[in-house]
């Protein structure tokens, strides 16, 4: 089985009054959320915040990105 690693980045913005809440929610993710992220073949998932700008990065190591993203929903 050949697995190709793909790299993804996403950019978004936060409302200024929601930045602290966002940071708090993402500072200690639930174990079940981390499990699903791993089961959906995402690795090295990282989130960076600069002012209202949010950048996330992850590596995908699966075979069916669309199916895995559907499962993430």
Protein backbone atom coordinates (compact mmCIF):
# COMPACT_ATOMS: atom_id res chain seq x y z
CA UNK A 1 0.00 0.00 0.00
CA UNK A 2 1.45 3.34 -1.09
CA UNK A 3 0.61 6.28 1.14
CA UNK A 4 1.33 9.75 -0.12
CA UNK A 5 1.73 12.48 2.44
CA UNK A 6 0.00 15.71 1.53
CA UNK A 7 0.38 19.02 3.31
CA UNK A 8 -2.54 21.37 3.95
CA UNK A 9 -2.93 24.83 5.39
CA UNK A 10 -6.05 26.82 6.13
CA UNK A 11 -6.47 30.49 6.96
CA UNK A 12 -9.39 32.08 8.76
CA UNK A 13 -10.27 35.04 10.90
CA UNK A 14 -11.71 35.31 14.37
CA UNK A 15 -13.97 37.97 15.75
CA UNK A 16 -11.90 40.04 18.12
CA UNK A 17 -14.18 39.27 21.08
CA UNK A 18 -13.90 35.50 20.45
CA UNK A 19 -10.09 35.11 20.38
CA UNK A 20 -9.72 34.22 24.08
CA UNK A 21 -12.61 31.74 23.89
CA UNK A 22 -11.08 30.11 20.79
CA UNK A 23 -7.70 29.79 22.50
CA UNK A 24 -9.31 28.28 25.59
CA UNK A 25 -11.33 25.74 23.59
CA UNK A 26 -8.27 24.62 21.63
CA UNK A 27 -5.77 24.58 24.50
CA UNK A 28 -6.93 21.22 25.84
CA UNK A 29 -8.74 19.18 23.16
CA UNK A 30 -10.92 16.28 24.22
CA UNK A 31 -9.33 12.83 23.78
CA UNK A 32 -12.19 11.73 21.50
CA UNK A 33 -11.50 14.67 19.17
CA UNK A 34 -7.80 13.79 19.00
CA UNK A 35 -8.72 10.16 18.31
CA UNK A 36 -10.95 11.08 15.35
CA UNK A 37 -8.28 13.41 13.94
CA UNK A 38 -5.79 10.53 14.06
CA UNK A 39 -8.26 7.99 12.65
CA UNK A 40 -8.92 10.37 9.74
CA UNK A 41 -5.22 10.21 8.87
CA UNK A 42 -4.25 13.73 9.94
CA UNK A 43 -0.83 14.19 11.48
CA UNK A 44 1.07 17.15 12.89
CA UNK A 45 -2.09 19.24 13.23
CA UNK A 46 -1.09 22.69 14.42
CA UNK A 47 -2.97 25.96 14.91
CA UNK A 48 -1.33 29.38 15.00
CA UNK A 49 -2.99 32.67 15.92
CA UNK A 50 -1.77 36.17 15.16
CA UNK A 51 -4.20 38.85 16.24
CA UNK A 52 -7.48 37.88 14.48
CA UNK A 53 -5.79 35.63 11.91
CA UNK A 54 -5.87 31.85 12.40
CA UNK A 55 -3.65 29.51 10.41
CA UNK A 56 -3.90 25.74 10.72
CA UNK A 57 -1.53 23.18 9.25
CA UNK A 58 -1.75 19.41 8.98
CA UNK A 59 -0.29 16.52 7.07
CA UNK A 60 -2.61 13.97 5.48
CA UNK A 61 -1.32 10.40 5.20
CA UNK A 62 -4.42 8.50 4.09
CA UNK A 63 -5.72 7.27 0.76
CA UNK A 64 -9.14 8.95 0.53
CA UNK A 65 -9.06 12.57 1.66
CA UNK A 66 -12.68 13.29 0.76
CA UNK A 67 -13.99 10.30 2.76
CA UNK A 68 -11.81 11.16 5.75
CA UNK A 69 -12.96 14.80 5.71
CA UNK A 70 -16.57 13.64 5.53
CA UNK A 71 -15.93 11.52 8.61
CA UNK A 72 -14.43 14.57 10.38
CA UNK A 73 -17.77 16.34 10.03
